[in-house]
Amino acid sequence: MDAEWDSMKPFVPMVGKGGHLFVAAVLMLTGFFLTGLFSINKSIIRAPLLAIPASLAFGFGSVYLICAVGVYV
């Protein structure tokens, strides 16, 4: 039984605590940029290309921003 736990590795996140603010800034700026492009050129074809990535960038960027300032969700 102990051999099973000995082979387990500790969790290492892809983005460390020091990188949260940079990742949040990049994602939020990308979201603002894509939202601006979508607001200029609204069409059915542009919606999946601009609006969906913008909303995903805002969503993940806001979570990273919350974690960067010390509020853990």
PDB file of N, CA and C in Angstrom:
ATOM      1  N   MET A   1       0.821  -1.195   0.000  1.00  0.00           N
ATOM      2  CA  MET A   1       0.000   0.000   0.000  1.00  0.00           C
ATOM      3  C   MET A   1       0.861   1.254   0.000  1.00  0.00           C
ATOM      4  N   ASP A   2       1.973   1.237   0.703  1.00  0.00           N
ATOM      5  CA  ASP A   2       2.839   2.415   0.756  1.00  0.00           C
ATOM      6  C   ASP A   2       3.536   2.676  -0.566  1.00  0.00           C
ATOM      7  N   ALA A   3       3.791   1.646  -1.360  1.00  0.00           N
ATOM      8  CA  ALA A   3       4.471   1.815  -2.646  1.00  0.00           C
ATOM      9  C   ALA A   3       3.612   2.631  -3.607  1.00  0.00           C
ATOM     10  N   GLU A   4       2.312   2.524  -3.481  1.00  0.00           N
ATOM     11  CA  GLU A   4       1.414   3.293  -4.354  1.00  0.00           C
ATOM     12  C   GLU A   4       1.548   4.793  -4.094  1.00  0.00           C
ATOM     13  N   TRP A   5       1.623   5.194  -2.845  1.00  0.00           N
ATOM     14  CA  TRP A   5       1.745   6.602  -2.492  1.00  0.00           C
ATOM     15  C   TRP A   5       3.141   7.137  -2.768  1.00  0.00           C
ATOM     16  N   ASP A   6       4.148   6.284  -2.736  1.00  0.00           N
ATOM     17  CA  ASP A   6       5.506   6.730  -3.012  1.00  0.00           C
ATOM     18  C   ASP A   6       5.699   7.121  -4.465  1.00  0.00           C
ATOM     19  N   SER A   7       4.914   6.538  -5.359  1.00  0.00           N
ATOM     20  CA  SER A   7       5.056   6.852  -6.779  1.00  0.00           C
ATOM     21  C   SER A   7       4.282   8.109  -7.186  1.00  0.00           C
ATOM     22  N   MET A   8       3.488   8.658  -6.309  1.00  0.00           N
ATOM     23  CA  MET A   8       2.699   9.850  -6.626  1.00  0.00           C
ATOM     24  C   MET A   8       3.604  11.082  -6.630  1.00  0.00           C
ATOM     25  N   LYS A   9       3.374  11.970  -7.589  1.00  0.00           N
ATOM     26  CA  LYS A   9       4.150  13.203  -7.675  1.00  0.00           C
ATOM     27  C   LYS A   9       3.285  14.368  -7.185  1.00  0.00           C
ATOM     28  N   PRO A  10       3.892  15.386  -6.589  1.00  0.00           N
ATOM     29  CA  PRO A  10       3.093  16.536  -6.141  1.00  0.00           C
ATOM     30  C   PRO A  10       2.562  17.327  -7.335  1.00  0.00           C
ATOM     31  N   PHE A  11       1.462  18.019  -7.112  1.00  0.00           N
ATOM     32  CA  PHE A  11       0.848  18.826  -8.153  1.00  0.00           C
ATOM     33  C   PHE A  11       1.707  20.049  -8.444  1.00  0.00           C
ATOM     34  N   VAL A  12       1.997  20.261  -9.720  1.00  0.00           N
ATOM     35  CA  VAL A  12       2.750  21.435 -10.148  1.00  0.00           C
ATOM     36  C   VAL A  12       1.887  22.156 -11.187  1.00  0.00           C
ATOM     37  N   PRO A  13       1.421  23.376 -10.897  1.00  0.00           N
ATOM     38  CA  PRO A  13       0.553  24.083 -11.841  1.00  0.00           C
ATOM     39  C   PRO A  13       1.322  24.532 -13.087  1.00  0.00           C
ATOM     40  N   MET A  14       0.589  24.725 -14.189  1.00  0.00           N
ATOM     41  CA  MET A  14       1.214  25.181 -15.432  1.00  0.00           C
ATOM     42  C   MET A  14       1.710  26.612 -15.305  1.00  0.00           C
ATOM     43  N   VAL A  15       0.970  27.437 -14.587  1.00  0.00           N
ATOM     44  CA  VAL A  15       1.350  28.835 -14.378  1.00  0.00           C
ATOM     45  C   VAL A  15       1.559  29.023 -12.881  1.00  0.00           C
ATOM     46  N   GLY A  16       2.760  29.430 -12.502  1.00  0.00           N
ATOM     47  CA  GLY A  16       3.060  29.642 -11.094  1.00  0.00           C
ATOM     48  C   GLY A  16       2.396  30.903 -10.563  1.00  0.00           C
ATOM     49  N   LYS A  17       2.498  31.094  -9.257  1.00  0.00           N
ATOM     50  CA  LYS A  17       1.845  32.249  -8.633  1.00  0.00           C
ATOM     51  C   LYS A  17       2.397  33.565  -9.160  1.00  0.00           C
ATOM     52  N   GLY A  18       3.674  33.592  -9.499  1.00  0.00           N
ATOM     53  CA  GLY A  18       4.277  34.820  -9.998  1.00  0.00           C
ATOM     54  C   GLY A  18       3.848  35.187 -11.407  1.00  0.00           C
ATOM     55  N   GLY A  19       3.331  34.238 -12.159  1.00  0.00           N
ATOM     56  CA  GLY A  19       2.929  34.491 -13.533  1.00  0.00           C
ATOM     57  C   GLY A  19       1.465  34.808 -13.727  1.00  0.00           C
ATOM     58  N   HIS A  20       0.680  34.778 -12.659  1.00  0.00           N
ATOM     59  CA  HIS A  20      -0.762  35.010 -12.790  1.00  0.00           C
ATOM     60  C   HIS A  20      -1.084  36.399 -13.326  1.00  0.00           C
ATOM     61  N   LEU A  21      -0.376  37.413 -12.849  1.00  0.00           N
ATOM     62  CA  LEU A  21      -0.690  38.777 -13.282  1.00  0.00           C
ATOM     63  C   LEU A  21      -0.380  38.972 -14.761  1.00  0.00           C
ATOM     64  N   PHE A  22       0.735  38.427 -15.229  1.00  0.00           N
ATOM     65  CA  PHE A  22       1.090  38.556 -16.647  1.00  0.00           C
ATOM     66  C   PHE A  22       0.073  37.838 -17.533  1.00  0.00           C
ATOM     67  N   VAL A  23      -0.283  36.620 -17.169  1.00  0.00           N
ATOM     68  CA  VAL A  23      -1.263  35.853 -17.947  1.00  0.00           C
ATOM     69  C   VAL A  23      -2.614  36.561 -17.938  1.00  0.00           C
ATOM     70  N   ALA A  24      -3.002  37.101 -16.786  1.00  0.00           N
ATOM     71  CA  ALA A  24      -4.272  37.828 -16.689  1.00  0.00           C
ATOM     72  C   ALA A  24      -4.269  39.057 -17.581  1.00  0.00           C
ATOM     73  N   ALA A  25      -3.164  39.799 -17.582  1.00  0.00           N
ATOM     74  CA  ALA A  25      -3.083  41.003 -18.408  1.00  0.00           C
ATOM     75  C   ALA A  25      -3.165  40.659 -19.889  1.00  0.00           C
ATOM     76  N   VAL A  26      -2.458  39.617 -20.307  1.00  0.00           N
ATOM     77  CA  VAL A  26      -2.487  39.214 -21.716  1.00  0.00           C
ATOM     78  C   VAL A  26      -3.884  38.770 -22.121  1.00  0.00           C
ATOM     79  N   LEU A  27      -4.532  37.957 -21.295  1.00  0.00           N
ATOM     80  CA  LEU A  27      -5.872  37.480 -21.633  1.00  0.00           C
ATOM     81  C   LEU A  27      -6.901  38.603 -21.636  1.00  0.00           C
ATOM     82  N   MET A  28      -6.824  39.508 -20.674  1.00  0.00           N
ATOM     83  CA  MET A  28      -7.793  40.609 -20.631  1.00  0.00           C
ATOM     84  C   MET A  28      -7.592  41.563 -21.816  1.00  0.00           C
ATOM     85  N   LEU A  29      -6.349  41.872 -22.154  1.00  0.00           N
ATOM     86  CA  LEU A  29      -6.093  42.729 -23.313  1.00  0.00           C
ATOM     87  C   LEU A  29      -6.544  42.058 -24.605  1.00  0.00           C
ATOM     88  N   THR A  30      -6.331  40.750 -24.710  1.00  0.00           N
ATOM     89  CA  THR A  30      -6.810  40.016 -25.879  1.00  0.00           C
ATOM     90  C   THR A  30      -8.332  40.068 -25.948  1.00  0.00           C
ATOM     91  N   GLY A  31      -8.993  39.914 -24.811  1.00  0.00           N
ATOM     92  CA  GLY A  31     -10.456  39.996 -24.783  1.00  0.00           C
ATOM     93  C   GLY A  31     -10.964  41.366 -25.193  1.00  0.00           C
ATOM     94  N   PHE A  32     -10.314  42.427 -24.694  1.00  0.00           N
ATOM     95  CA  PHE A  32     -10.721  43.780 -25.091  1.00  0.00           C
ATOM     96  C   PHE A  32     -10.497  44.014 -26.580  1.00  0.00           C
ATOM     97  N   PHE A  33      -9.368  43.549 -27.091  1.00  0.00           N
ATOM     98  CA  PHE A  33      -9.052  43.737 -28.506  1.00  0.00           C
ATOM     99  C   PHE A  33     -10.061  43.003 -29.393  1.00  0.00           C
ATOM    100  N   LEU A  34     -10.347  41.737 -29.076  1.00  0.00           N
ATOM    101  CA  LEU A  34     -11.302  40.970 -29.881  1.00  0.00           C
ATOM    102  C   LEU A  34     -12.721  41.529 -29.765  1.00  0.00           C
ATOM    103  N   THR A  35     -13.089  42.030 -28.592  1.00  0.00           N
ATOM    104  CA  THR A  35     -14.405  42.653 -28.435  1.00  0.00           C
ATOM    105  C   THR A  35     -14.507  43.913 -29.275  1.00  0.00           C
ATOM    106  N   GLY A  36     -13.446  44.701 -29.311  1.00  0.00           N
ATOM    107  CA  GLY A  36     -13.436  45.898 -30.153  1.00  0.00           C
ATOM    108  C   GLY A  36     -13.566  45.561 -31.626  1.00  0.00           C
ATOM    109  N   LEU A  37     -12.845  44.532 -32.078  1.00  0.00           N
ATOM    110  CA  LEU A  37     -12.975  44.114 -33.477  1.00  0.00           C
ATOM    111  C   LEU A  37     -14.378  43.618 -33.785  1.00  0.00           C
ATOM    112  N   PHE A  38     -14.962  42.876 -32.856  1.00  0.00           N
ATOM    113  CA  PHE A  38     -16.309  42.365 -33.080  1.00  0.00           C
ATOM    114  C   PHE A  38     -17.339  43.487 -33.103  1.00  0.00           C
ATOM    115  N   SER A  39     -17.144  44.516 -32.275  1.00  0.00           N
ATOM    116  CA  SER A  39     -18.111  45.614 -32.249  1.00  0.00           C
ATOM    117  C   SER A  39     -18.046  46.444 -33.524  1.00  0.00           C
ATOM    118  N   ILE A  40     -16.902  46.450 -34.176  1.00  0.00           N
ATOM    119  CA  ILE A  40     -16.786  47.178 -35.452  1.00  0.00           C
ATOM    120  C   ILE A  40     -17.422  46.388 -36.588  1.00  0.00           C
ATOM    121  N   ASN A  41     -17.158  45.093 -36.635  1.00  0.00           N
ATOM    122  CA  ASN A  41     -17.632  44.242 -37.738  1.00  0.00           C
ATOM    123  C   ASN A  41     -18.570  43.165 -37.211  1.00  0.00           C
ATOM    124  N   LYS A  42     -19.818  43.507 -36.992  1.00  0.00           N
ATOM    125  CA  LYS A  42     -20.784  42.521 -36.505  1.00  0.00           C
ATOM    126  C   LYS A  42     -21.378  41.767 -37.691  1.00  0.00           C
ATOM    127  N   SER A  43     -21.214  40.471 -37.673  1.00  0.00           N
ATOM    128  CA  SER A  43     -21.841  39.622 -38.684  1.00  0.00           C
ATOM    129  C   SER A  43     -21.929  38.210 -38.133  1.00  0.00           C
ATOM    130  N   ILE A  44     -22.699  37.368 -38.800  1.00  0.00           N
ATOM    131  CA  ILE A  44     -22.860  35.981 -38.382  1.00  0.00           C
ATOM    132  C   ILE A  44     -21.536  35.228 -38.514  1.00  0.00           C
ATOM    133  N   ILE A  45     -20.760  35.556 -39.517  1.00  0.00           N
ATOM    134  CA  ILE A  45     -19.493  34.864 -39.740  1.00  0.00           C
ATOM    135  C   ILE A  45     -18.462  35.274 -38.688  1.00  0.00           C
ATOM    136  N   ARG A  46     -18.483  36.518 -38.281  1.00  0.00           N
ATOM    137  CA  ARG A  46     -17.496  37.012 -37.315  1.00  0.00           C
ATOM    138  C   ARG A  46     -17.795  36.586 -35.873  1.00  0.00           C
ATOM    139  N   ALA A  47     -19.011  36.211 -35.582  1.00  0.00           N
ATOM    140  CA  ALA A  47     -19.366  35.868 -34.199  1.00  0.00           C
ATOM    141  C   ALA A  47     -18.547  34.702 -33.646  1.00  0.00           C
ATOM    142  N   PRO A  48     -18.472  33.572 -34.350  1.00  0.00           N
ATOM    143  CA  PRO A  48     -17.664  32.487 -33.777  1.00  0.00           C
ATOM    144  C   PRO A  48     -16.166  32.783 -33.815  1.00  0.00           C
ATOM    145  N   LEU A  49     -15.740  33.609 -34.747  1.00  0.00           N
ATOM    146  CA  LEU A  49     -14.311  33.890 -34.882  1.00  0.00           C
ATOM    147  C   LEU A  49     -13.799  34.912 -33.879  1.00  0.00           C
ATOM    148  N   LEU A  50     -14.653  35.835 -33.446  1.00  0.00           N
ATOM    149  CA  LEU A  50     -14.211  36.903 -32.553  1.00  0.00           C
ATOM    150  C   LEU A  50     -14.896  36.887 -31.193  1.00  0.00           C
ATOM    151  N   ALA A  51     -16.202  36.694 -31.175  1.00  0.00           N
ATOM    152  CA  ALA A  51     -16.947  36.825 -29.919  1.00  0.00           C
ATOM    153  C   ALA A  51     -16.677  35.667 -28.963  1.00  0.00           C
ATOM    154  N   ILE A  52     -16.610  34.460 -29.480  1.00  0.00           N
ATOM    155  CA  ILE A  52     -16.386  33.308 -28.600  1.00  0.00           C
ATOM    156  C   ILE A  52     -14.972  33.341 -27.997  1.00  0.00           C
ATOM    157  N   PRO A  53     -13.901  33.577 -28.793  1.00  0.00           N
ATOM    158  CA  PRO A  53     -12.583  33.694 -28.161  1.00  0.00           C
ATOM    159  C   PRO A  53     -12.468  34.884 -27.205  1.00  0.00           C
ATOM    160  N   ALA A  54     -13.176  35.971 -27.506  1.00  0.00           N
ATOM    161  CA  ALA A  54     -13.152  37.125 -26.605  1.00  0.00           C
ATOM    162  C   ALA A  54     -13.785  36.781 -25.267  1.00  0.00           C
ATOM    163  N   SER A  55     -14.902  36.084 -25.287  1.00  0.00           N
ATOM    164  CA  SER A  55     -15.551  35.722 -24.029  1.00  0.00           C
ATOM    165  C   SER A  55     -14.715  34.717 -23.243  1.00  0.00           C
ATOM    166  N   LEU A  56     -14.061  33.788 -23.928  1.00  0.00           N
ATOM    167  CA  LEU A  56     -13.180  32.850 -23.233  1.00  0.00           C
ATOM    168  C   LEU A  56     -11.974  33.564 -22.630  1.00  0.00           C
ATOM    169  N   ALA A  57     -11.402  34.517 -23.363  1.00  0.00           N
ATOM    170  CA  ALA A  57     -10.260  35.280 -22.842  1.00  0.00           C
ATOM    171  C   ALA A  57     -10.673  36.089 -21.618  1.00  0.00           C
ATOM    172  N   PHE A  58     -11.850  36.716 -21.675  1.00  0.00           N
ATOM    173  CA  PHE A  58     -12.340  37.460 -20.511  1.00  0.00           C
ATOM    174  C   PHE A  58     -12.586  36.528 -19.319  1.00  0.00           C
ATOM    175  N   GLY A  59     -13.166  35.371 -19.570  1.00  0.00           N
ATOM    176  CA  GLY A  59     -13.477  34.440 -18.487  1.00  0.00           C
ATOM    177  C   GLY A  59     -12.225  33.931 -17.789  1.00  0.00           C
ATOM    178  N   PHE A  60     -11.283  33.403 -18.559  1.00  0.00           N
ATOM    179  CA  PHE A  60     -10.053  32.892 -17.957  1.00  0.00           C
ATOM    180  C   PHE A  60      -9.185  34.031 -17.424  1.00  0.00           C
ATOM    181  N   GLY A  61      -9.186  35.164 -18.105  1.00  0.00           N
ATOM    182  CA  GLY A  61      -8.412  36.306 -17.631  1.00  0.00           C
ATOM    183  C   GLY A  61      -8.913  36.832 -16.310  1.00  0.00           C
ATOM    184  N   SER A  62     -10.216  36.844 -16.121  1.00  0.00           N
ATOM    185  CA  SER A  62     -10.755  37.329 -14.845  1.00  0.00           C
ATOM    186  C   SER A  62     -10.417  36.371 -13.705  1.00  0.00           C
ATOM    187  N   VAL A  63     -10.410  35.068 -13.976  1.00  0.00           N
ATOM    188  CA  VAL A  63     -10.027  34.109 -12.932  1.00  0.00           C
ATOM    189  C   VAL A  63      -8.560  34.283 -12.564  1.00  0.00           C
ATOM    190  N   TYR A  64      -7.693  34.446 -13.559  1.00  0.00           N
ATOM    191  CA  TYR A  64      -6.276  34.669 -13.266  1.00  0.00           C
ATOM    192  C   TYR A  64      -6.066  35.996 -12.547  1.00  0.00           C
ATOM    193  N   LEU A  65      -6.852  37.000 -12.901  1.00  0.00           N
ATOM    194  CA  LEU A  65      -6.723  38.295 -12.228  1.00  0.00           C
ATOM    195  C   LEU A  65      -7.153  38.206 -10.762  1.00  0.00           C
ATOM    196  N   ILE A  66      -8.214  37.486 -10.504  1.00  0.00           N
ATOM    197  CA  ILE A  66      -8.677  37.286  -9.129  1.00  0.00           C
ATOM    198  C   ILE A  66      -7.610  36.550  -8.332  1.00  0.00           C
ATOM    199  N   CYS A  67      -6.999  35.535  -8.933  1.00  0.00           N
ATOM    200  CA  CYS A  67      -5.937  34.784  -8.237  1.00  0.00           C
ATOM    201  C   CYS A  67      -4.683  35.636  -8.057  1.00  0.00           C
ATOM    202  N   ALA A  68      -4.395  36.527  -9.005  1.00  0.00           N
ATOM    203  CA  ALA A  68      -3.191  37.361  -8.925  1.00  0.00           C
ATOM    204  C   ALA A  68      -3.270  38.377  -7.781  1.00  0.00           C
ATOM    205  N   VAL A  69      -4.467  38.867  -7.487  1.00  0.00           N
ATOM    206  CA  VAL A  69      -4.596  39.868  -6.425  1.00  0.00           C
ATOM    207  C   VAL A  69      -4.839  39.236  -5.068  1.00  0.00           C
ATOM    208  N   GLY A  70      -4.926  37.900  -5.014  1.00  0.00           N
ATOM    209  CA  GLY A  70      -4.983  37.241  -3.724  1.00  0.00           C
ATOM    210  C   GLY A  70      -6.328  36.718  -3.294  1.00  0.00           C
ATOM    211  N   VAL A  71      -7.334  36.783  -4.146  1.00  0.00           N
ATOM    212  CA  VAL A  71      -8.638  36.221  -3.818  1.00  0.00           C
ATOM    213  C   VAL A  71      -8.722  34.888  -4.542  1.00  0.00           C
ATOM    214  N   TYR A  72      -8.651  33.796  -3.815  1.00  0.00           N
ATOM    215  CA  TYR A  72      -8.639  32.482  -4.438  1.00  0.00           C
ATOM    216  C   TYR A  72     -10.041  31.917  -4.512  1.00  0.00           C
ATOM    217  N   VAL A  73     -10.394  31.437  -5.702  1.00  0.00           N
ATOM    218  CA  VAL A  73     -11.725  30.870  -5.939  1.00  0.00           C
ATOM    219  C   VAL A  73     -11.678  29.363  -5.911  1.00  0.00           C
TER     220      VAL A  73
END
